[in-house]
C-alpha atoms as a PDB file:
ATOM      1  CA  MET A   1     165.391  95.012  52.107  1.00  0.00           C
ATOM      2  CA  THR A   2     166.138  93.223  55.217  1.00  0.00           C
ATOM      3  CA  LEU A   3     164.716  96.124  57.213  1.00  0.00           C
ATOM      4  CA  LYS A   4     161.468  96.134  55.211  1.00  0.00           C
ATOM      5  CA  ASN A   5     161.145  92.453  55.646  1.00  0.00           C
ATOM      6  CA  ASN A   6     161.477  92.937  59.535  1.00  0.00           C
ATOM      7  CA  ILE A   7     159.089  96.002  59.792  1.00  0.00           C
ATOM      8  CA  LEU A   8     156.226  94.175  58.091  1.00  0.00           C
ATOM      9  CA  PRO A   9     155.875  91.448  60.688  1.00  0.00           C
ATOM     10  CA  LEU A  10     156.246  94.043  63.529  1.00  0.00           C
ATOM     11  CA  LEU A  11     153.330  96.073  62.010  1.00  0.00           C
ATOM     12  CA  MET A  12     151.125  92.949  61.726  1.00  0.00           C
ATOM     13  CA  LEU A  13     151.923  91.887  65.333  1.00  0.00           C
ATOM     14  CA  SER A  14     150.937  95.543  66.557  1.00  0.00           C
ATOM     15  CA  CYS A  15     147.612  95.357  64.712  1.00  0.00           C
ATOM     16  CA  CYS A  16     146.792  91.924  66.457  1.00  0.00           C
ATOM     17  CA  PHE A  17     147.596  93.567  69.886  1.00  0.00           C
ATOM     18  CA  VAL A  18     145.330  96.557  69.016  1.00  0.00           C
ATOM     19  CA  LEU A  19     142.391  94.249  67.945  1.00  0.00           C
ATOM     20  CA  ALA A  20     142.829  92.116  71.048  1.00  0.00           C
ATOM     21  CA  ALA A  21     142.756  95.148  73.290  1.00  0.00           C
ATOM     22  CA  CYS A  22     139.557  96.418  71.518  1.00  0.00           C
ATOM     23  CA  SER A  23     138.046  92.975  71.785  1.00  0.00           C
ATOM     24  CA  SER A  24     138.706  92.719  75.354  1.00  0.00           C
ATOM     25  CA  SER A  25     137.401  96.132  76.026  1.00  0.00           C
ATOM     26  CA  ASN A  26     134.168  95.387  74.183  1.00  0.00           C
ATOM     27  CA  SER A  27     133.813  92.148  76.164  1.00  0.00           C
ATOM     28  CA  ALA A  28     134.332  93.892  79.472  1.00  0.00           C
ATOM     29  CA  SER A  29     131.665  96.611  78.465  1.00  0.00           C
ATOM     30  CA  ALA A  30     129.270  93.831  77.463  1.00  0.00           C
ATOM     31  CA  SER A  31     129.909  92.102  80.679  1.00  0.00           C
ATOM     32  CA  ALA A  32     129.239  95.104  82.728  1.00  0.00           C
ATOM     33  CA  SER A  33     126.164  95.986  80.701  1.00  0.00           C
ATOM     34  CA  ASN A  34     124.882  92.535  81.405  1.00  0.00           C
ATOM     35  CA  LYS A  35     125.557  92.838  85.094  1.00  0.00           C
ATOM     36  CA  ASN A  36     123.689  96.195  85.257  1.00  0.00           C
ATOM     37  CA  LYS A  37     120.781  94.542  83.419  1.00  0.00           C
ATOM     38  CA  ASN A  38     120.511  91.816  86.030  1.00  0.00           C
ATOM     39  CA  MET A  39     120.547  94.505  88.730  1.00  0.00           C
ATOM     40  CA  GLU A  40     117.779  96.293  87.055  1.00  0.00           C
ATOM     41  CA  PRO A  41     115.444  93.711  85.651  1.00  0.00           C
ATOM     42  CA  ASN A  42     112.778  96.191  84.365  1.00  0.00           C
ATOM     43  CA  LYS A  43     115.412  98.541  82.636  1.00  0.00           C
ATOM     44  CA  GLY A  44     114.242  99.167  79.058  1.00  0.00           C
ATOM     45  CA  ARG A  45     111.027  97.335  79.615  1.00  0.00           C
ATOM     46  CA  TYR A  46     108.697 100.284  80.041  1.00  0.00           C
ATOM     47  CA  SER A  47     108.183 103.391  77.873  1.00  0.00           C
ATOM     48  CA  LEU A  48     108.143 105.703  81.025  1.00  0.00           C
ATOM     49  CA  LYS A  49     111.198 106.188  83.173  1.00  0.00           C
ATOM     50  CA  ASN A  50     109.213 107.059  86.361  1.00  0.00           C
ATOM     51  CA  ASP A  51     105.760 105.958  87.498  1.00  0.00           C
ATOM     52  CA  LYS A  52     102.942 108.627  87.634  1.00  0.00           C
ATOM     53  CA  MET A  53      99.364 109.254  88.256  1.00  0.00           C
ATOM     54  CA  PRO A  54      97.094 109.063  85.097  1.00  0.00           C
ATOM     55  CA  LEU A  55      96.430 112.576  83.656  1.00  0.00           C
ATOM     56  CA  ASN A  56      92.703 112.043  82.872  1.00  0.00           C
ATOM     57  CA  PRO A  57      91.653 109.030  84.729  1.00  0.00           C
ATOM     58  CA  PRO A  58      88.000 107.654  84.526  1.00  0.00           C
ATOM     59  CA  ASN A  59      85.729 107.786  87.499  1.00  0.00           C
ATOM     60  CA  VAL A  60      86.553 104.683  89.479  1.00  0.00           C
ATOM     61  CA  ASP A  61      83.965 105.262  92.284  1.00  0.00           C
ATOM     62  CA  HIS A  62      81.892 102.470  91.031  1.00  0.00           C
ATOM     63  CA  VAL A  63      84.528  99.890  90.111  1.00  0.00           C
ATOM     64  CA  PRO A  64      83.534  96.764  92.156  1.00  0.00           C
ATOM     65  CA  ASN A  65      85.709  94.907  94.406  1.00  0.00           C
ATOM     66  CA  ALA A  66      87.308  91.720  93.012  1.00  0.00           C
ATOM     67  CA  THR A  67      85.069  88.812  93.387  1.00  0.00           C
ATOM     68  CA  PRO A  68      86.821  85.958  95.125  1.00  0.00           C
ATOM     69  CA  LYS A  69      86.458  82.552  93.442  1.00  0.00           C
ATOM     70  CA  TYR A  70      88.447  79.376  93.135  1.00  0.00           C
ATOM     71  CA  GLU A  71      91.361  79.628  90.723  1.00  0.00           C
ATOM     72  CA  PRO A  72      94.300  77.235  90.318  1.00  0.00           C
ATOM     73  CA  TYR A  73      97.699  78.913  91.026  1.00  0.00           C
ATOM     74  CA  SER A  74      99.126  80.132  87.632  1.00  0.00           C
ATOM     75  CA  ARG A  75     102.082  78.371  85.939  1.00  0.00           C
ATOM     76  CA  ARG A  76     103.959  81.854  85.661  1.00  0.00           C
ATOM     77  CA  GLY A  77     105.008  83.922  88.551  1.00  0.00           C
ATOM     78  CA  ASN A  78     105.119  81.172  91.266  1.00  0.00           C
ATOM     79  CA  LYS A  79     108.774  79.987  91.142  1.00  0.00           C
ATOM     80  CA  PRO A  80     111.562  81.165  93.551  1.00  0.00           C
ATOM     81  CA  TYR A  81     113.152  84.421  92.045  1.00  0.00           C
ATOM     82  CA  THR A  82     115.766  87.077  92.619  1.00  0.00           C
ATOM     83  CA  VAL A  83     115.383  90.823  92.378  1.00  0.00           C
ATOM     84  CA  TYR A  84     118.109  93.431  93.169  1.00  0.00           C
ATOM     85  CA  GLY A  85     120.134  90.630  94.856  1.00  0.00           C
ATOM     86  CA  GLU A  86     117.272  89.549  97.173  1.00  0.00           C
ATOM     87  CA  SER A  87     115.913  86.041  96.828  1.00  0.00           C
ATOM     88  CA  TYR A  88     112.310  85.274  97.326  1.00  0.00           C
ATOM     89  CA  THR A  89     110.422  81.866  97.848  1.00  0.00           C
ATOM     90  CA  VAL A  90     106.731  81.898  96.913  1.00  0.00           C
ATOM     91  CA  LEU A  91     104.354  80.467  99.520  1.00  0.00           C
ATOM     92  CA  ASN A  92     102.652  77.047  98.703  1.00  0.00           C
ATOM     93  CA  SER A  93      99.364  78.440  99.757  1.00  0.00           C
ATOM     94  CA  GLY A  94      97.723  81.675 100.929  1.00  0.00           C
ATOM     95  CA  GLU A  95      95.538  79.923 103.502  1.00  0.00           C
ATOM     96  CA  GLY A  96      95.305  81.736 106.728  1.00  0.00           C
ATOM     97  CA  PHE A  97      97.774  84.435 105.508  1.00  0.00           C
ATOM     98  CA  SER A  98      97.622  87.875 107.293  1.00  0.00           C
ATOM     99  CA  GLU A  99     100.035  90.765 107.276  1.00  0.00           C
ATOM    100  CA  THR A 100     100.228  94.361 108.616  1.00  0.00           C
ATOM    101  CA  GLY A 101     102.574  96.926 106.969  1.00  0.00           C
ATOM    102  CA  ARG A 102     102.731  99.747 104.541  1.00  0.00           C
ATOM    103  CA  ALA A 103     101.239  99.623 101.059  1.00  0.00           C
ATOM    104  CA  SER A 104     101.939 101.725  98.011  1.00  0.00           C
ATOM    105  CA  TRP A 105     100.398 101.921  94.565  1.00  0.00           C
ATOM    106  CA  TYR A 106     101.552 101.798  90.969  1.00  0.00           C
ATOM    107  CA  GLY A 107      99.959 103.492  87.932  1.00  0.00           C
ATOM    108  CA  GLU A 108     100.668 104.845  84.424  1.00  0.00           C
ATOM    109  CA  LYS A 109     104.290 103.474  83.909  1.00  0.00           C
ATOM    110  CA  PHE A 110     103.058  99.873  84.284  1.00  0.00           C
ATOM    111  CA  HIS A 111      99.646 100.079  82.735  1.00  0.00           C
ATOM    112  CA  GLY A 112      99.074  97.601  79.963  1.00  0.00           C
ATOM    113  CA  TYR A 113     102.248  95.758  80.477  1.00  0.00           C
ATOM    114  CA  GLU A 114     102.405  92.151  81.645  1.00  0.00           C
ATOM    115  CA  THR A 115     102.059  91.239  85.424  1.00  0.00           C
ATOM    116  CA  SER A 116     104.128  88.405  86.705  1.00  0.00           C
ATOM    117  CA  ASN A 117     101.495  85.849  85.929  1.00  0.00           C
ATOM    118  CA  GLY A 118     101.379  87.113  82.385  1.00  0.00           C
ATOM    119  CA  GLU A 119      98.074  89.096  82.507  1.00  0.00           C
ATOM    120  CA  PRO A 120      98.119  92.795  81.504  1.00  0.00           C
ATOM    121  CA  TYR A 121      98.031  95.180  84.381  1.00  0.00           C
ATOM    122  CA  ASP A 122      95.068  97.337  84.492  1.00  0.00           C
ATOM    123  CA  MET A 123      95.446 100.306  86.887  1.00  0.00           C
ATOM    124  CA  TYR A 124      91.633 100.868  86.711  1.00  0.00           C
ATOM    125  CA  GLY A 125      90.857  97.361  88.077  1.00  0.00           C
ATOM    126  CA  MET A 126      91.051  95.981  91.627  1.00  0.00           C
ATOM    127  CA  SER A 127      94.443  94.296  91.764  1.00  0.00           C
ATOM    128  CA  GLY A 128      97.768  94.164  93.603  1.00  0.00           C
ATOM    129  CA  ALA A 129     101.227  93.004  93.750  1.00  0.00           C
ATOM    130  CA  HIS A 130     102.904  90.871  96.649  1.00  0.00           C
ATOM    131  CA  LYS A 131     106.444  89.455  96.938  1.00  0.00           C
ATOM    132  CA  THR A 132     105.497  85.893  98.082  1.00  0.00           C
ATOM    133  CA  LEU A 133     101.876  85.137  97.945  1.00  0.00           C
ATOM    134  CA  PRO A 134     100.845  82.593  95.327  1.00  0.00           C
ATOM    135  CA  LEU A 135      99.382  84.034  92.128  1.00  0.00           C
ATOM    136  CA  PRO A 136      96.421  84.595  91.787  1.00  0.00           C
ATOM    137  CA  SER A 137      95.294  85.309  95.434  1.00  0.00           C
ATOM    138  CA  TYR A 138      92.449  87.301  96.786  1.00  0.00           C
ATOM    139  CA  ALA A 139      92.793  89.546  99.775  1.00  0.00           C
ATOM    140  CA  ARG A 140      90.785  91.974 101.862  1.00  0.00           C
ATOM    141  CA  VAL A 141      92.943  95.061 102.430  1.00  0.00           C
ATOM    142  CA  THR A 142      92.059  97.624 105.215  1.00  0.00           C
ATOM    143  CA  ASN A 143      93.504 101.146 105.485  1.00  0.00           C
ATOM    144  CA  LEU A 144      94.252 101.311 109.137  1.00  0.00           C
ATOM    145  CA  ASP A 145      94.286 105.195 109.121  1.00  0.00           C
ATOM    146  CA  ASN A 146      90.702 105.539 107.905  1.00  0.00           C
ATOM    147  CA  ASN A 147      89.064 102.013 108.081  1.00  0.00           C
ATOM    148  CA  LYS A 148      88.374 102.041 104.369  1.00  0.00           C
ATOM    149  CA  GLN A 149      88.446  98.450 102.899  1.00  0.00           C
ATOM    150  CA  VAL A 150      88.733  96.869  99.350  1.00  0.00           C
ATOM    151  CA  ILE A 151      89.010  93.378  97.994  1.00  0.00           C
ATOM    152  CA  ILE A 152      91.689  92.772  95.405  1.00  0.00           C
ATOM    153  CA  ARG A 153      93.049  90.026  93.155  1.00  0.00           C
ATOM    154  CA  ILE A 154      96.949  89.704  93.464  1.00  0.00           C
ATOM    155  CA  ASN A 155      98.405  88.761  90.213  1.00  0.00           C
ATOM    156  CA  ASP A 156     101.819  90.563  90.226  1.00  0.00           C
ATOM    157  CA  ARG A 157     105.138  90.691  92.198  1.00  0.00           C
ATOM    158  CA  GLY A 158     106.388  93.636  94.262  1.00  0.00           C
ATOM    159  CA  PRO A 159     106.887  96.159  95.805  1.00  0.00           C
ATOM    160  CA  PHE A 160     110.721  95.744  95.972  1.00  0.00           C
ATOM    161  CA  HIS A 161     111.043  98.090  98.922  1.00  0.00           C
ATOM    162  CA  SER A 162     112.041  96.684 102.382  1.00  0.00           C
ATOM    163  CA  GLU A 163     109.557  98.847 104.116  1.00  0.00           C
ATOM    164  CA  ARG A 164     106.430  98.001 102.004  1.00  0.00           C
ATOM    165  CA  ILE A 165     104.327  94.883 101.807  1.00  0.00           C
ATOM    166  CA  LEU A 166     101.884  95.590  99.052  1.00  0.00           C
ATOM    167  CA  ASP A 167     101.521  97.497  95.827  1.00  0.00           C
ATOM    168  CA  LEU A 168      97.985  98.463  94.768  1.00  0.00           C
ATOM    169  CA  SER A 169      96.274  99.359  91.611  1.00  0.00           C
ATOM    170  CA  TYR A 170      95.404 103.043  91.029  1.00  0.00           C
ATOM    171  CA  ALA A 171      91.661 102.089  91.594  1.00  0.00           C
ATOM    172  CA  ALA A 172      92.263 100.183  94.845  1.00  0.00           C
ATOM    173  CA  ALA A 173      94.421 103.029  96.158  1.00  0.00           C
ATOM    174  CA  TYR A 174      91.808 105.632  95.318  1.00  0.00           C
ATOM    175  CA  LYS A 175      88.968 103.575  97.190  1.00  0.00           C
ATOM    176  CA  LEU A 176      91.384 103.180 100.149  1.00  0.00           C
ATOM    177  CA  GLY A 177      91.927 106.966 100.244  1.00  0.00           C
ATOM    178  CA  MET A 178      95.764 106.883  99.795  1.00  0.00           C
ATOM    179  CA  LEU A 179      96.417 108.405  96.500  1.00  0.00           C
ATOM    180  CA  GLY A 180      97.484 111.697  97.944  1.00  0.00           C
ATOM    181  CA  THR A 181      99.806 110.208 100.625  1.00  0.00           C
ATOM    182  CA  GLY A 182     101.191 107.578  98.189  1.00  0.00           C
ATOM    183  CA  THR A 183     101.505 104.911 101.037  1.00  0.00           C
ATOM    184  CA  ALA A 184      99.403 103.987 103.817  1.00  0.00           C
ATOM    185  CA  ARG A 185      99.208 101.580 106.869  1.00  0.00           C
ATOM    186  CA  ILE A 186      97.381  98.510 105.890  1.00  0.00           C
ATOM    187  CA  LYS A 187      96.193  95.064 107.053  1.00  0.00           C
ATOM    188  CA  LEU A 188      96.079  92.371 104.408  1.00  0.00           C
ATOM    189  CA  ASP A 189      93.996  89.233 105.010  1.00  0.00           C
ATOM    190  CA  VAL A 190      93.990  86.615 102.320  1.00  0.00           C
ATOM    191  CA  ILE A 191      90.563  85.226 101.283  1.00  0.00           C
ATOM    192  CA  TYR A 192      91.441  81.700 100.654  1.00  0.00           C
ATOM    193  CA  ILE A 193      89.190  79.449  98.480  1.00  0.00           C
ATOM    194  CA  GLY A 194      90.501  75.977  98.114  1.00  0.00           C
ATOM    195  CA  SER A 195      87.878  74.474  95.847  1.00  0.00           C
ATOM    196  CA  LYS A 196      85.050  75.461  93.466  1.00  0.00           C
ATOM    197  CA  ALA A 197      82.447  74.303  95.987  1.00  0.00           C
ATOM    198  CA  ALA A 198      83.860  76.890  98.472  1.00  0.00           C
ATOM    199  CA  THR A 199      83.408  79.826  96.172  1.00  0.00           C
ATOM    200  CA  GLN A 200      79.756  80.716  97.064  1.00  0.00           C
ATOM    201  CA  SER A 201      80.377  80.700 100.795  1.00  0.00           C
ATOM    202  CA  ALA A 202      83.522  82.876 100.400  1.00  0.00           C
ATOM    203  CA  ILE A 203      81.557  85.487  98.332  1.00  0.00           C
ATOM    204  CA  ALA A 204      78.827  85.508 100.994  1.00  0.00           C
ATOM    205  CA  SER A 205      81.466  86.220 103.713  1.00  0.00           C
ATOM    206  CA  VAL A 206      82.828  89.366 102.148  1.00  0.00           C
ATOM    207  CA  GLN A 207      79.591  90.802 100.717  1.00  0.00           C
ATOM    208  CA  SER A 208      77.741  93.667 102.325  1.00  0.00           C
ATOM    209  CA  SER A 209      75.737  92.573 105.401  1.00  0.00           C
ATOM    210  CA  GLY A 210      73.403  95.607 105.179  1.00  0.00           C
ATOM    211  CA  ASN A 211      73.852  99.294 106.099  1.00  0.00           C
ATOM    212  CA  HIS A 212      75.427 100.120 109.384  1.00  0.00           C
ATOM    213  CA  TYR A 213      75.415 103.608 110.914  1.00  0.00           C
ATOM    214  CA  ILE A 214      77.136 104.902 114.093  1.00  0.00           C
ATOM    215  CA  GLN A 215      74.794 107.214 116.169  1.00  0.00           C
ATOM    216  CA  LEU A 216      77.058 109.906 117.703  1.00  0.00           C
ATOM    217  CA  VAL A 217      75.011 113.016 118.673  1.00  0.00           C
ATOM    218  CA  ALA A 218      71.267 114.130 119.071  1.00  0.00           C
ATOM    219  CA  SER A 219      70.349 117.852 118.999  1.00  0.00           C
ATOM    220  CA  LYS A 220      67.488 120.234 118.112  1.00  0.00           C
ATOM    221  CA  ASP A 221      70.156 122.437 116.412  1.00  0.00           C
ATOM    222  CA  LYS A 222      70.074 120.871 112.786  1.00  0.00           C
ATOM    223  CA  GLN A 223      72.587 123.444 111.430  1.00  0.00           C
ATOM    224  CA  ARG A 224      75.140 122.669 114.174  1.00  0.00           C
ATOM    225  CA  LEU A 225      74.893 118.984 113.376  1.00  0.00           C
ATOM    226  CA  HIS A 226      75.327 119.678 109.668  1.00  0.00           C
ATOM    227  CA  LYS A 227      78.503 121.623 110.550  1.00  0.00           C
ATOM    228  CA  MET A 228      79.807 118.813 112.807  1.00  0.00           C
ATOM    229  CA  ALA A 229      78.969 116.336 109.946  1.00  0.00           C
ATOM    230  CA  LYS A 230      81.376 117.959 107.528  1.00  0.00           C
ATOM    231  CA  ASP A 231      84.130 117.985 110.067  1.00  0.00           C
ATOM    232  CA  LEU A 232      83.416 114.321 110.936  1.00  0.00           C
ATOM    233  CA  GLU A 233      83.405 113.205 107.188  1.00  0.00           C
ATOM    234  CA  LYS A 234      86.836 114.845 106.735  1.00  0.00           C
ATOM    235  CA  LYS A 235      88.271 113.261 109.723  1.00  0.00           C
ATOM    236  CA  TYR A 236      86.959 109.721 109.252  1.00  0.00           C
ATOM    237  CA  GLN A 237      86.580 109.702 105.494  1.00  0.00           C
ATOM    238  CA  VAL A 238      83.109 108.212 105.891  1.00  0.00           C
ATOM    239  CA  LYS A 239      79.728 109.689 104.860  1.00  0.00           C
ATOM    240  CA  THR A 240      77.298 111.082 107.389  1.00  0.00           C
ATOM    241  CA  ARG A 241      73.570 111.650 107.676  1.00  0.00           C
ATOM    242  CA  VAL A 242      71.329 113.721 109.936  1.00  0.00           C
ATOM    243  CA  GLN A 243      68.055 112.096 110.538  1.00  0.00           C
ATOM    244  CA  PRO A 244      64.949 113.675 112.205  1.00  0.00           C
ATOM    245  CA  ALA A 245      63.589 111.776 115.251  1.00  0.00           C
ATOM    246  CA  ASN A 246      61.101 112.733 117.942  1.00  0.00           C
ATOM    247  CA  ASN A 247      61.505 116.539 117.538  1.00  0.00           C
ATOM    248  CA  MET A 248      65.305 116.099 117.483  1.00  0.00           C
ATOM    249  CA  PHE A 249      67.935 115.404 114.851  1.00  0.00           C
ATOM    250  CA  ARG A 250      70.337 112.532 115.061  1.00  0.00           C
ATOM    251  CA  LEU A 251      73.974 112.775 113.537  1.00  0.00           C
ATOM    252  CA  GLN A 252      75.152 109.320 112.360  1.00  0.00           C
ATOM    253  CA  LEU A 253      78.243 108.173 110.454  1.00  0.00           C
ATOM    254  CA  GLY A 254      77.479 105.837 107.557  1.00  0.00           C
ATOM    255  CA  PRO A 255      76.381 103.906 105.782  1.00  0.00           C
ATOM    256  CA  ILE A 256      79.058 101.211 106.501  1.00  0.00           C
ATOM    257  CA  GLY A 257      78.613  98.077 104.502  1.00  0.00           C
ATOM    258  CA  GLN A 258      80.332  95.484 106.824  1.00  0.00           C
ATOM    259  CA  ALA A 259      79.502  94.912 110.449  1.00  0.00           C
ATOM    260  CA  GLU A 260      83.175  94.215 111.236  1.00  0.00           C
ATOM    261  CA  LEU A 261      84.294  97.750 109.901  1.00  0.00           C
ATOM    262  CA  ALA A 262      81.445  99.385 111.825  1.00  0.00           C
ATOM    263  CA  ASP A 263      82.524  97.807 115.084  1.00  0.00           C
ATOM    264  CA  ARG A 264      86.137  98.937 114.493  1.00  0.00           C
ATOM    265  CA  LEU A 265      85.073 102.554 113.715  1.00  0.00           C
ATOM    266  CA  LEU A 266      82.865 102.577 116.693  1.00  0.00           C
ATOM    267  CA  ILE A 267      85.741 101.828 118.957  1.00  0.00           C
ATOM    268  CA  LYS A 268      87.692 104.722 117.490  1.00  0.00           C
ATOM    269  CA  VAL A 269      84.970 107.349 117.763  1.00  0.00           C
ATOM    270  CA  LYS A 270      84.432 106.440 121.435  1.00  0.00           C
ATOM    271  CA  GLN A 271      88.160 107.048 121.955  1.00  0.00           C
ATOM    272  CA  ASP A 272      87.770 110.348 120.107  1.00  0.00           C
ATOM    273  CA  GLY A 273      85.183 111.752 122.504  1.00  0.00           C
ATOM    274  CA  TYR A 274      81.858 110.076 121.577  1.00  0.00           C
ATOM    275  CA  PRO A 275      81.542 107.514 124.490  1.00  0.00           C
ATOM    276  CA  ALA A 276      77.809 107.253 124.050  1.00  0.00           C
ATOM    277  CA  GLY A 277      78.049 106.206 120.390  1.00  0.00           C
ATOM    278  CA  TYR A 278      76.309 103.038 119.208  1.00  0.00           C
ATOM    279  CA  ILE A 279      75.479 101.192 116.069  1.00  0.00           C
ATOM    280  CA  VAL A 280      72.142 101.364 114.071  1.00  0.00           C
ATOM    281  CA  SER A 281      71.818  98.568 111.521  1.00  0.00           C
ATOM    282  CA  GLU A 282      69.471  98.602 108.570  1.00  0.00           C
ATOM    283  CA  LYS A 283      68.796  95.775 106.131  1.00  0.00           C
END
């Protein structure tokens, strides 16, 4: 009887230790889980594990550039934040901001999900993500490898890779000719509009200033020029035309919508073996 009375408390004490150990183990697991979740802020948020190109994308050739206009900075997405242990402070203003580096693009995985300022991400629109520019911001992005240019509206945060400065929508990346490579060397210039009154002048500054062509070669051999034209289009990612003039034919690169881009491309083609090249402008 005495033995039985002693065994019962011992059994109860053992059960308490087992339950305590289980509780401690579960607590440790939960703690580790929460820690991992903080390290991976987007884990479980998206239905796709890895990003990918859309399978049957619509034609985005005619998707227009973002139209710069005055917008107050959003309430969401403009506070200091930390991702993967790295802390970021958002700029008070994008005025005068310019940056050169590598850009990437993001697609199917994020399509339809909220961006950092609360808007749904549309990979077929002209948008982008930046780590520290205030949201929303408008920017001109130039692909330094082919001189193609787009205007985007930045409404998201990223890319969180030390070697990249900008993430672009699928449409913007397509227009910059960087879908195949995945990344590209770019220059980003913020188009700052500080008031509603400044909107129209900002739009005028980024709109097309007519058609500009770069005159390269003149010859009577039209077939030779057409063959050269194909090679040049591939090299510079710019359309060409062969124009008749005074019993000759002229090979020209273009049209190029902005004089600034035409000037930049002219410098490059002169360096590439066309020192007599010059710009022809048409309104």
